[in-house]
Amino acid sequence: MRLVITVVGKDRVGIVSDIASICKDLNVNIMDITQKVFDDMFAMVMLAQMTEKSAPFEEIEDKLDKCGQKAGLKIHTMHEDIFNSMHKI
């Protein structure tokens, strides 16, 4: 299963590293990242892949959410299928 992870907040050193570290710890493979800094605002969309060795979705979502709360970021994690359903024309 693939995940779409979005991150928005005030830019600082280490945001990508923090998210990547959580993904590594939970056996989630990062497939693609796009990011942009607008003045001091950071925005990132990440496509990641879960496997049979990955932590359950709920644990991934919870750990990323807690990381965001601690760092003052909004991190949203969703299944790719839900993302695609929301954006069909």
Protein backbone atom coordinates (compact mmCIF):
# COMPACT_ATOMS: atom_id res chain seq x y z
CA MET A 1 0.00 0.00 0.00
CA ARG A 2 1.20 3.49 -0.80
CA LEU A 3 0.81 6.53 1.43
CA VAL A 4 0.62 10.25 0.72
CA ILE A 5 2.21 12.26 3.53
CA THR A 6 1.89 16.05 3.54
CA VAL A 7 3.85 18.38 5.82
CA VAL A 8 3.27 22.11 6.27
CA GLY A 9 4.76 24.52 8.78
CA LYS A 10 7.46 27.02 9.62
CA ASP A 11 10.73 26.08 7.94
CA ARG A 12 13.59 24.83 10.08
CA VAL A 13 16.61 22.57 9.75
CA GLY A 14 15.88 18.83 9.93
CA ILE A 15 12.23 18.52 8.91
CA VAL A 16 12.91 16.06 6.08
CA SER A 17 15.38 14.17 8.26
CA ASP A 18 12.83 13.81 11.08
CA ILE A 19 10.13 12.44 8.76
CA ALA A 20 12.60 10.13 6.97
CA SER A 21 13.84 8.79 10.31
CA ILE A 22 10.31 7.87 11.39
CA CYS A 23 9.69 6.17 8.04
CA LYS A 24 12.92 4.18 8.41
CA ASP A 25 12.07 3.12 11.97
CA LEU A 26 8.62 1.91 10.84
CA ASN A 27 9.90 0.18 7.66
CA VAL A 28 8.18 2.60 5.29
CA ASN A 29 10.00 3.19 1.99
CA ILE A 30 10.10 6.77 0.69
CA MET A 31 9.46 6.65 -3.05
CA ASP A 32 9.26 10.34 -3.96
CA ILE A 33 9.44 13.73 -2.28
CA THR A 34 8.59 17.20 -3.49
CA GLN A 35 9.14 20.20 -1.26
CA LYS A 36 9.11 23.96 -1.42
CA VAL A 37 9.99 26.79 0.95
CA PHE A 38 7.92 29.98 0.60
CA ASP A 39 9.76 32.67 2.58
CA ASP A 40 9.78 30.86 5.95
CA MET A 41 6.95 28.39 5.26
CA PHE A 42 7.82 24.76 4.43
CA ALA A 43 5.55 22.51 2.34
CA MET A 44 6.25 18.89 1.38
CA VAL A 45 4.39 16.02 -0.24
CA MET A 46 5.88 12.56 0.11
CA LEU A 47 4.85 9.32 -1.58
CA ALA A 48 5.78 6.30 0.54
CA GLN A 49 5.33 2.53 0.26
CA MET A 50 4.24 0.19 3.06
CA THR A 51 5.18 -3.49 2.90
CA GLU A 52 4.34 -6.55 4.98
CA LYS A 53 7.27 -5.56 7.26
CA SER A 54 5.94 -2.03 7.87
CA ALA A 55 4.24 -0.99 11.07
CA PRO A 56 0.41 -0.78 10.90
CA PHE A 57 -1.02 2.33 9.22
CA GLU A 58 -2.45 3.63 12.50
CA GLU A 59 1.00 3.52 14.15
CA ILE A 60 2.61 5.32 11.21
CA GLU A 61 -0.09 7.98 11.24
CA ASP A 62 0.19 8.41 15.03
CA LYS A 63 4.01 8.71 15.10
CA LEU A 64 4.03 11.25 12.26
CA ASP A 65 1.23 13.24 13.90
CA LYS A 66 3.10 13.33 17.23
CA CYS A 67 6.28 14.43 15.43
CA GLY A 68 4.32 17.25 13.80
CA GLN A 69 2.78 18.38 17.09
CA LYS A 70 6.18 18.44 18.77
CA ALA A 71 7.77 20.41 15.89
CA GLY A 72 4.87 22.81 15.24
CA LEU A 73 4.08 21.19 11.87
CA LYS A 74 0.85 19.89 10.38
CA ILE A 75 1.50 16.36 9.10
CA HIS A 76 -1.30 14.50 7.35
CA THR A 77 -0.98 10.84 6.36
CA MET A 78 -3.48 9.05 4.10
CA HIS A 79 -3.79 5.92 2.00
CA GLU A 80 -3.16 6.59 -1.67
CA ASP A 81 -6.61 5.17 -2.53
CA ILE A 82 -8.31 7.77 -0.32
CA PHE A 83 -6.17 10.54 -1.80
CA ASN A 84 -7.08 9.43 -5.34
CA SER A 85 -10.79 9.17 -4.49
CA MET A 86 -10.79 12.69 -3.07
CA HIS A 87 -9.20 14.14 -6.19
CA LYS A 88 -11.09 12.44 -9.02
CA ILE A 89 -12.82 14.74 -11.45
